[in-house]
C-alpha atoms as a PDB file:
ATOM      1  CA  MET A   1     -78.700  -4.671 -16.834  1.00  0.00           C
ATOM      2  CA  ARG A   2     -76.532  -3.807 -13.629  1.00  0.00           C
ATOM      3  CA  ALA A   3     -75.588  -7.618 -13.512  1.00  0.00           C
ATOM      4  CA  ALA A   4     -74.397  -7.726 -17.077  1.00  0.00           C
ATOM      5  CA  VAL A   5     -72.848  -4.202 -16.891  1.00  0.00           C
ATOM      6  CA  ALA A   6     -70.940  -5.591 -13.591  1.00  0.00           C
ATOM      7  CA  GLY A   7     -70.224  -8.919 -15.322  1.00  0.00           C
ATOM      8  CA  ALA A   8     -68.668  -7.142 -18.794  1.00  0.00           C
ATOM      9  CA  VAL A   9     -66.763  -4.836 -16.506  1.00  0.00           C
ATOM     10  CA  ALA A  10     -65.189  -7.781 -14.535  1.00  0.00           C
ATOM     11  CA  LEU A  11     -64.381  -9.664 -17.460  1.00  0.00           C
ATOM     12  CA  ALA A  12     -62.536  -6.672 -19.069  1.00  0.00           C
ATOM     13  CA  LEU A  13     -60.431  -5.959 -15.828  1.00  0.00           C
ATOM     14  CA  SER A  14     -59.859 -10.135 -15.350  1.00  0.00           C
ATOM     15  CA  GLY A  15     -56.155  -9.910 -16.623  1.00  0.00           C
ATOM     16  CA  CYS A  16     -55.423  -7.329 -13.825  1.00  0.00           C
ATOM     17  CA  ALA A  17     -57.386  -9.442 -11.023  1.00  0.00           C
ATOM     18  CA  ALA A  18     -55.806 -10.216  -7.707  1.00  0.00           C
ATOM     19  CA  PRO A  19     -55.588 -14.175  -6.749  1.00  0.00           C
ATOM     20  CA  PRO A  20     -58.480 -15.276  -5.175  1.00  0.00           C
ATOM     21  CA  THR A  21     -58.788 -14.214  -1.561  1.00  0.00           C
ATOM     22  CA  ALA A  22     -61.580 -16.571   0.203  1.00  0.00           C
ATOM     23  CA  GLY A  23     -63.207 -14.812   3.034  1.00  0.00           C
ATOM     24  CA  GLN A  24     -61.815 -11.137   2.748  1.00  0.00           C
ATOM     25  CA  GLU A  25     -64.091  -7.963   3.068  1.00  0.00           C
ATOM     26  CA  LEU A  26     -63.093  -4.759   1.694  1.00  0.00           C
ATOM     27  CA  HIS A  27     -64.567  -1.800   3.337  1.00  0.00           C
ATOM     28  CA  VAL A  28     -64.960   1.171   0.984  1.00  0.00           C
ATOM     29  CA  PHE A  29     -66.178   4.786   2.231  1.00  0.00           C
ATOM     30  CA  ALA A  30     -67.439   6.771  -0.886  1.00  0.00           C
ATOM     31  CA  ALA A  31     -69.419   9.779  -1.133  1.00  0.00           C
ATOM     32  CA  ALA A  32     -73.036  10.009  -1.356  1.00  0.00           C
ATOM     33  CA  SER A  33     -73.246  11.104  -4.928  1.00  0.00           C
ATOM     34  CA  LEU A  34     -71.145   7.592  -5.727  1.00  0.00           C
ATOM     35  CA  THR A  35     -73.650   5.484  -4.535  1.00  0.00           C
ATOM     36  CA  GLU A  36     -75.103   3.918  -7.695  1.00  0.00           C
ATOM     37  CA  VAL A  37     -72.031   3.731  -9.703  1.00  0.00           C
ATOM     38  CA  PHE A  38     -69.966   2.289  -7.085  1.00  0.00           C
ATOM     39  CA  THR A  39     -72.327  -0.332  -6.319  1.00  0.00           C
ATOM     40  CA  GLU A  40     -71.845  -1.305  -9.542  1.00  0.00           C
ATOM     41  CA  ILE A  41     -68.095  -1.325  -9.873  1.00  0.00           C
ATOM     42  CA  ALA A  42     -68.118  -3.370  -6.559  1.00  0.00           C
ATOM     43  CA  ALA A  43     -69.869  -5.926  -7.883  1.00  0.00           C
ATOM     44  CA  ALA A  44     -67.688  -6.247 -11.130  1.00  0.00           C
ATOM     45  CA  PHE A  45     -64.916  -6.289  -8.523  1.00  0.00           C
ATOM     46  CA  GLU A  46     -66.321  -9.096  -6.618  1.00  0.00           C
ATOM     47  CA  GLU A  47     -66.708 -10.699  -9.964  1.00  0.00           C
ATOM     48  CA  ALA A  48     -63.063 -10.197 -10.911  1.00  0.00           C
ATOM     49  CA  HIS A  49     -61.489 -11.362  -7.304  1.00  0.00           C
ATOM     50  CA  PRO A  50     -63.426 -14.428  -6.258  1.00  0.00           C
ATOM     51  CA  GLY A  51     -63.657 -14.779  -2.211  1.00  0.00           C
ATOM     52  CA  VAL A  52     -63.586 -10.774  -2.191  1.00  0.00           C
ATOM     53  CA  SER A  53     -66.708  -9.182  -0.263  1.00  0.00           C
ATOM     54  CA  VAL A  54     -66.937  -5.422  -0.663  1.00  0.00           C
ATOM     55  CA  SER A  55     -68.604  -3.270   2.135  1.00  0.00           C
ATOM     56  CA  LEU A  56     -69.814  -0.124   1.007  1.00  0.00           C
ATOM     57  CA  SER A  57     -70.439   2.812   3.170  1.00  0.00           C
ATOM     58  CA  PHE A  58     -72.176   6.035   1.518  1.00  0.00           C
ATOM     59  CA  ASP A  59     -72.650   9.291   3.258  1.00  0.00           C
ATOM     60  CA  GLY A  60     -71.422  12.923   2.860  1.00  0.00           C
ATOM     61  CA  SER A  61     -67.624  13.112   2.105  1.00  0.00           C
ATOM     62  CA  ALA A  62     -67.272  15.151   5.462  1.00  0.00           C
ATOM     63  CA  GLY A  63     -69.005  12.310   7.596  1.00  0.00           C
ATOM     64  CA  LEU A  64     -66.908   9.730   6.381  1.00  0.00           C
ATOM     65  CA  ALA A  65     -63.799  11.717   6.631  1.00  0.00           C
ATOM     66  CA  THR A  66     -64.281  12.371  10.493  1.00  0.00           C
ATOM     67  CA  GLN A  67     -65.504   8.828  10.748  1.00  0.00           C
ATOM     68  CA  ILE A  68     -61.942   7.684   9.235  1.00  0.00           C
ATOM     69  CA  ALA A  69     -60.331  10.052  11.607  1.00  0.00           C
ATOM     70  CA  GLU A  70     -61.846   8.520  14.701  1.00  0.00           C
ATOM     71  CA  GLY A  71     -60.484   5.199  13.335  1.00  0.00           C
ATOM     72  CA  ALA A  72     -63.417   3.738  11.122  1.00  0.00           C
ATOM     73  CA  PRO A  73     -62.017   0.417   9.511  1.00  0.00           C
ATOM     74  CA  ALA A  74     -62.004   1.642   5.932  1.00  0.00           C
ATOM     75  CA  ALA A  75     -59.727   0.255   3.346  1.00  0.00           C
ATOM     76  CA  VAL A  76     -60.459   2.686   0.367  1.00  0.00           C
ATOM     77  CA  PHE A  77     -61.738   6.517   0.836  1.00  0.00           C
ATOM     78  CA  ALA A  78     -63.560   7.971  -2.466  1.00  0.00           C
ATOM     79  CA  SER A  79     -64.115  11.756  -1.642  1.00  0.00           C
ATOM     80  CA  ALA A  80     -66.242  14.346  -3.340  1.00  0.00           C
ATOM     81  CA  ASP A  81     -63.585  16.932  -3.236  1.00  0.00           C
ATOM     82  CA  THR A  82     -59.861  17.249  -2.873  1.00  0.00           C
ATOM     83  CA  ALA A  83     -60.350  19.540   0.154  1.00  0.00           C
ATOM     84  CA  THR A  84     -61.987  16.462   2.384  1.00  0.00           C
ATOM     85  CA  MET A  85     -58.962  13.941   1.008  1.00  0.00           C
ATOM     86  CA  GLU A  86     -56.604  16.256   2.276  1.00  0.00           C
ATOM     87  CA  SER A  87     -58.324  16.064   5.792  1.00  0.00           C
ATOM     88  CA  VAL A  88     -57.360  12.766   6.165  1.00  0.00           C
ATOM     89  CA  ALA A  89     -54.253  12.774   4.299  1.00  0.00           C
ATOM     90  CA  GLN A  90     -52.335  11.016   7.104  1.00  0.00           C
ATOM     91  CA  HIS A  91     -54.464   8.114   6.665  1.00  0.00           C
ATOM     92  CA  ALA A  92     -53.680   7.630   3.140  1.00  0.00           C
ATOM     93  CA  ALA A  93     -51.396   4.642   2.112  1.00  0.00           C
ATOM     94  CA  ASP A  94     -50.798   6.345  -1.216  1.00  0.00           C
ATOM     95  CA  GLU A  95     -51.080   9.786  -3.123  1.00  0.00           C
ATOM     96  CA  PRO A  96     -54.504  10.173  -3.709  1.00  0.00           C
ATOM     97  CA  ALA A  97     -55.486   9.903  -7.672  1.00  0.00           C
ATOM     98  CA  VAL A  98     -58.445  11.874  -9.292  1.00  0.00           C
ATOM     99  CA  PHE A  99     -60.622   9.306 -10.877  1.00  0.00           C
ATOM    100  CA  ALA A 100     -63.717  11.773 -11.989  1.00  0.00           C
ATOM    101  CA  ARG A 101     -65.085  14.983 -11.708  1.00  0.00           C
ATOM    102  CA  ASN A 102     -68.835  16.470 -11.253  1.00  0.00           C
ATOM    103  CA  ALA A 103     -70.744  19.498 -11.895  1.00  0.00           C
ATOM    104  CA  LEU A 104     -73.032  21.092  -9.943  1.00  0.00           C
ATOM    105  CA  GLU A 105     -76.477  21.609 -11.215  1.00  0.00           C
ATOM    106  CA  ILE A 106     -79.818  22.767  -9.923  1.00  0.00           C
ATOM    107  CA  ALA A 107     -82.392  20.009  -9.738  1.00  0.00           C
ATOM    108  CA  VAL A 108     -86.122  21.635  -9.847  1.00  0.00           C
ATOM    109  CA  PRO A 109     -89.301  19.414  -9.495  1.00  0.00           C
ATOM    110  CA  ALA A 110     -90.670  18.096 -12.780  1.00  0.00           C
ATOM    111  CA  GLY A 111     -92.517  21.070 -14.664  1.00  0.00           C
ATOM    112  CA  ASN A 112     -90.219  23.566 -12.710  1.00  0.00           C
ATOM    113  CA  PRO A 113     -93.239  25.146 -11.435  1.00  0.00           C
ATOM    114  CA  ALA A 114     -90.947  28.081  -9.517  1.00  0.00           C
ATOM    115  CA  ASP A 115     -89.754  28.938 -13.018  1.00  0.00           C
ATOM    116  CA  ILE A 116     -85.927  28.676 -12.289  1.00  0.00           C
ATOM    117  CA  ARG A 117     -83.735  29.842 -15.146  1.00  0.00           C
ATOM    118  CA  GLY A 118     -80.602  29.972 -13.539  1.00  0.00           C
ATOM    119  CA  PHE A 119     -78.271  30.321 -10.278  1.00  0.00           C
ATOM    120  CA  ALA A 120     -79.453  34.043  -9.641  1.00  0.00           C
ATOM    121  CA  ASP A 121     -83.274  32.901  -9.498  1.00  0.00           C
ATOM    122  CA  LEU A 122     -82.204  30.875  -6.490  1.00  0.00           C
ATOM    123  CA  ALA A 123     -81.838  34.085  -4.222  1.00  0.00           C
ATOM    124  CA  ARG A 124     -85.701  35.278  -5.466  1.00  0.00           C
ATOM    125  CA  ASP A 125     -87.779  35.933  -1.783  1.00  0.00           C
ATOM    126  CA  ASP A 126     -90.739  33.071  -3.134  1.00  0.00           C
ATOM    127  CA  VAL A 127     -88.247  30.507  -3.828  1.00  0.00           C
ATOM    128  CA  VAL A 128     -87.866  27.712  -1.120  1.00  0.00           C
ATOM    129  CA  VAL A 129     -84.055  26.567  -1.875  1.00  0.00           C
ATOM    130  CA  VAL A 130     -81.995  23.675  -0.221  1.00  0.00           C
ATOM    131  CA  VAL A 131     -78.499  23.480  -0.489  1.00  0.00           C
ATOM    132  CA  CYS A 132     -75.637  21.090   1.000  1.00  0.00           C
ATOM    133  CA  ALA A 133     -73.938  22.218   4.509  1.00  0.00           C
ATOM    134  CA  LEU A 134     -70.806  23.998   3.979  1.00  0.00           C
ATOM    135  CA  ALA A 135     -68.827  20.942   5.519  1.00  0.00           C
ATOM    136  CA  VAL A 136     -69.806  19.285   2.502  1.00  0.00           C
ATOM    137  CA  PRO A 137     -68.118  19.085  -0.973  1.00  0.00           C
ATOM    138  CA  CYS A 138     -71.476  20.154  -2.989  1.00  0.00           C
ATOM    139  CA  GLY A 139     -71.805  22.856  -0.372  1.00  0.00           C
ATOM    140  CA  ARG A 140     -68.784  24.420  -0.744  1.00  0.00           C
ATOM    141  CA  ALA A 141     -68.789  24.302  -4.087  1.00  0.00           C
ATOM    142  CA  THR A 142     -72.205  26.370  -3.899  1.00  0.00           C
ATOM    143  CA  ALA A 143     -70.586  28.693  -2.026  1.00  0.00           C
ATOM    144  CA  GLU A 144     -67.504  29.227  -4.588  1.00  0.00           C
ATOM    145  CA  VAL A 145     -70.380  29.624  -7.070  1.00  0.00           C
ATOM    146  CA  GLU A 146     -72.254  32.255  -4.952  1.00  0.00           C
ATOM    147  CA  ARG A 147     -68.951  34.011  -4.580  1.00  0.00           C
ATOM    148  CA  ALA A 148     -68.159  33.717  -8.597  1.00  0.00           C
ATOM    149  CA  LEU A 149     -71.573  34.964  -9.468  1.00  0.00           C
ATOM    150  CA  ASP A 150     -72.023  37.365  -6.428  1.00  0.00           C
ATOM    151  CA  VAL A 151     -75.374  36.033  -5.364  1.00  0.00           C
ATOM    152  CA  ALA A 152     -76.701  35.234  -2.080  1.00  0.00           C
ATOM    153  CA  VAL A 153     -78.754  32.525  -1.100  1.00  0.00           C
ATOM    154  CA  ASP A 154     -80.815  32.119   1.604  1.00  0.00           C
ATOM    155  CA  PRO A 155     -81.584  28.298   2.161  1.00  0.00           C
ATOM    156  CA  ALA A 156     -84.346  27.023   3.779  1.00  0.00           C
ATOM    157  CA  SER A 157     -82.027  24.205   4.980  1.00  0.00           C
ATOM    158  CA  GLU A 158     -78.513  22.943   4.723  1.00  0.00           C
ATOM    159  CA  GLU A 159     -78.126  19.216   4.373  1.00  0.00           C
ATOM    160  CA  ASN A 160     -75.241  16.898   4.933  1.00  0.00           C
ATOM    161  CA  ALA A 161     -75.208  14.764   2.083  1.00  0.00           C
ATOM    162  CA  VAL A 162     -76.299  15.737  -1.382  1.00  0.00           C
ATOM    163  CA  THR A 163     -78.804  12.703  -1.575  1.00  0.00           C
ATOM    164  CA  ASP A 164     -80.997  14.824   1.198  1.00  0.00           C
ATOM    165  CA  VAL A 165     -81.108  17.659  -0.985  1.00  0.00           C
ATOM    166  CA  LEU A 166     -82.156  15.922  -3.829  1.00  0.00           C
ATOM    167  CA  GLY A 167     -84.925  13.989  -1.859  1.00  0.00           C
ATOM    168  CA  LYS A 168     -86.420  17.365  -0.580  1.00  0.00           C
ATOM    169  CA  VAL A 169     -86.586  18.416  -4.101  1.00  0.00           C
ATOM    170  CA  THR A 170     -88.131  15.265  -5.021  1.00  0.00           C
ATOM    171  CA  SER A 171     -90.685  15.376  -2.446  1.00  0.00           C
ATOM    172  CA  GLY A 172     -91.771  18.657  -3.081  1.00  0.00           C
ATOM    173  CA  GLU A 173     -90.356  20.119   0.158  1.00  0.00           C
ATOM    174  CA  ALA A 174     -88.258  22.635  -1.827  1.00  0.00           C
ATOM    175  CA  ASP A 175     -88.495  24.195  -5.256  1.00  0.00           C
ATOM    176  CA  ALA A 176     -84.908  24.106  -6.015  1.00  0.00           C
ATOM    177  CA  GLY A 177     -81.905  22.167  -4.672  1.00  0.00           C
ATOM    178  CA  VAL A 178     -78.128  22.510  -5.767  1.00  0.00           C
ATOM    179  CA  VAL A 179     -76.710  19.053  -6.452  1.00  0.00           C
ATOM    180  CA  TYR A 180     -74.422  17.594  -8.942  1.00  0.00           C
ATOM    181  CA  ALA A 181     -75.414  16.991 -12.691  1.00  0.00           C
ATOM    182  CA  THR A 182     -75.141  12.963 -11.738  1.00  0.00           C
ATOM    183  CA  ASP A 183     -77.948  13.386  -9.153  1.00  0.00           C
ATOM    184  CA  VAL A 184     -80.282  15.151 -11.835  1.00  0.00           C
ATOM    185  CA  ARG A 185     -79.994  12.116 -14.166  1.00  0.00           C
ATOM    186  CA  ARG A 186     -80.249   9.565 -11.966  1.00  0.00           C
ATOM    187  CA  ALA A 187     -83.561  10.751 -10.652  1.00  0.00           C
ATOM    188  CA  GLY A 188     -84.965  10.564 -14.210  1.00  0.00           C
ATOM    189  CA  ASP A 189     -88.434  12.332 -14.479  1.00  0.00           C
ATOM    190  CA  ALA A 190     -88.599  13.053 -11.042  1.00  0.00           C
ATOM    191  CA  VAL A 191     -86.564  16.257 -11.211  1.00  0.00           C
ATOM    192  CA  GLU A 192     -85.422  18.415 -14.194  1.00  0.00           C
ATOM    193  CA  GLY A 193     -82.029  20.038 -14.433  1.00  0.00           C
ATOM    194  CA  VAL A 194     -81.216  23.787 -14.703  1.00  0.00           C
ATOM    195  CA  PRO A 195     -77.639  24.645 -15.728  1.00  0.00           C
ATOM    196  CA  VAL A 196     -75.414  26.601 -13.399  1.00  0.00           C
ATOM    197  CA  ASP A 197     -73.560  29.590 -15.488  1.00  0.00           C
ATOM    198  CA  ALA A 198     -70.244  29.509 -13.398  1.00  0.00           C
ATOM    199  CA  PRO A 199     -68.672  26.226 -14.897  1.00  0.00           C
ATOM    200  CA  ASP A 200     -65.309  26.912 -13.552  1.00  0.00           C
ATOM    201  CA  ALA A 201     -66.558  27.371  -9.675  1.00  0.00           C
ATOM    202  CA  ALA A 202     -68.918  24.533 -10.296  1.00  0.00           C
ATOM    203  CA  VAL A 203     -66.724  21.384 -10.859  1.00  0.00           C
ATOM    204  CA  ASN A 204     -65.612  19.124  -8.405  1.00  0.00           C
ATOM    205  CA  ASP A 205     -62.648  16.798  -8.285  1.00  0.00           C
ATOM    206  CA  TYR A 206     -63.487  13.230  -6.863  1.00  0.00           C
ATOM    207  CA  PRO A 207     -59.952  11.678  -5.512  1.00  0.00           C
ATOM    208  CA  ILE A 208     -59.848   7.870  -4.146  1.00  0.00           C
ATOM    209  CA  ALA A 209     -57.044   6.678  -2.193  1.00  0.00           C
ATOM    210  CA  ALA A 210     -56.228   3.143  -0.215  1.00  0.00           C
ATOM    211  CA  LEU A 211     -55.751   3.881   3.268  1.00  0.00           C
ATOM    212  CA  ASP A 212     -52.985   2.989   5.922  1.00  0.00           C
ATOM    213  CA  GLY A 213     -55.525   0.681   7.928  1.00  0.00           C
ATOM    214  CA  ALA A 214     -56.415  -1.723   5.232  1.00  0.00           C
ATOM    215  CA  PRO A 215     -56.216  -5.381   6.562  1.00  0.00           C
ATOM    216  CA  ASP A 216     -54.885  -6.081   2.951  1.00  0.00           C
ATOM    217  CA  PRO A 217     -53.207  -3.086   1.532  1.00  0.00           C
ATOM    218  CA  ALA A 218     -52.662  -5.059  -1.766  1.00  0.00           C
ATOM    219  CA  LEU A 219     -56.180  -5.599  -2.202  1.00  0.00           C
ATOM    220  CA  ALA A 220     -57.097  -1.932  -1.127  1.00  0.00           C
ATOM    221  CA  ARG A 221     -54.991  -0.930  -4.275  1.00  0.00           C
ATOM    222  CA  ALA A 222     -56.517  -3.098  -6.492  1.00  0.00           C
ATOM    223  CA  PHE A 223     -59.685  -1.765  -5.892  1.00  0.00           C
ATOM    224  CA  VAL A 224     -58.193   1.518  -6.451  1.00  0.00           C
ATOM    225  CA  ASP A 225     -56.882   0.693  -9.829  1.00  0.00           C
ATOM    226  CA  PHE A 226     -60.026  -1.326 -10.848  1.00  0.00           C
ATOM    227  CA  VAL A 227     -61.849   2.072 -10.400  1.00  0.00           C
ATOM    228  CA  LEU A 228     -59.019   4.220 -12.630  1.00  0.00           C
ATOM    229  CA  ASP A 229     -59.053   1.413 -15.231  1.00  0.00           C
ATOM    230  CA  ASP A 230     -61.228   2.054 -18.380  1.00  0.00           C
ATOM    231  CA  PRO A 231     -64.091  -0.454 -17.922  1.00  0.00           C
ATOM    232  CA  ALA A 232     -65.235   1.350 -14.581  1.00  0.00           C
ATOM    233  CA  GLN A 233     -64.394   4.596 -16.292  1.00  0.00           C
ATOM    234  CA  ARG A 234     -67.056   3.964 -18.451  1.00  0.00           C
ATOM    235  CA  VAL A 235     -69.632   2.997 -15.746  1.00  0.00           C
ATOM    236  CA  LEU A 236     -68.636   6.611 -14.336  1.00  0.00           C
ATOM    237  CA  ALA A 237     -69.306   8.352 -17.602  1.00  0.00           C
ATOM    238  CA  ASP A 238     -72.344   6.689 -18.225  1.00  0.00           C
ATOM    239  CA  ALA A 239     -73.661   8.122 -14.875  1.00  0.00           C
ATOM    240  CA  GLY A 240     -72.776  11.295 -16.017  1.00  0.00           C
ATOM    241  CA  PHE A 241     -69.313  12.322 -14.401  1.00  0.00           C
ATOM    242  CA  LEU A 242     -67.067  13.874 -16.069  1.00  0.00           C
ATOM    243  CA  PRO A 243     -63.537  12.448 -16.854  1.00  0.00           C
ATOM    244  CA  ALA A 244     -60.322  13.232 -14.563  1.00  0.00           C
ATOM    245  CA  ASP A 245     -58.396  14.987 -17.257  1.00  0.00           C
END
């Protein structure tokens, strides 16, 4: 299925493909919540750009930003919020572009054994909650929801990547975790999703930018354009991401 989608995306974008570049490697740093969709999009980009190999690094956006600031050889950065992108603005070759949005959602184990009905339930003493650390985009968004709803959550742990939060829910270590709607979707039957009732505070913009340290700036910009184009946008939409505008 993934190969078929990648081929379809590549075919749709073949008209804007860069000339073949033998042995060229493109290093892309992307937020952990983009793991599945960027793996698919990168495969399609390789199909459309013969000779190019996309090397993907996924982690919490804050950790990736730190690596970029310390000189990691990233050509493209896709962050899970604008604040993290702004922290590496001096390394961006162009103005970052928002390519998707993502909404927070509460992930609970299948069957919802703790009977979580809304965000306020996360403040109950009998509920084990896991959230992202404040340095991570999903953590900042969670804190914004707490302020908007006047709910104080006392988490059992604060994780450095949203994938780690989801992992603690699926493993049964937590009754609930605040993640993105896309994480709930990709987890399938392992979890259920409970909406976060503060829509304005619970949605993050996802920006992408080519970085000024890219060995091939044109290739880095081509990947950014690829992500912004309609076929890749459909891959994002199918995964549950919201449109950028």
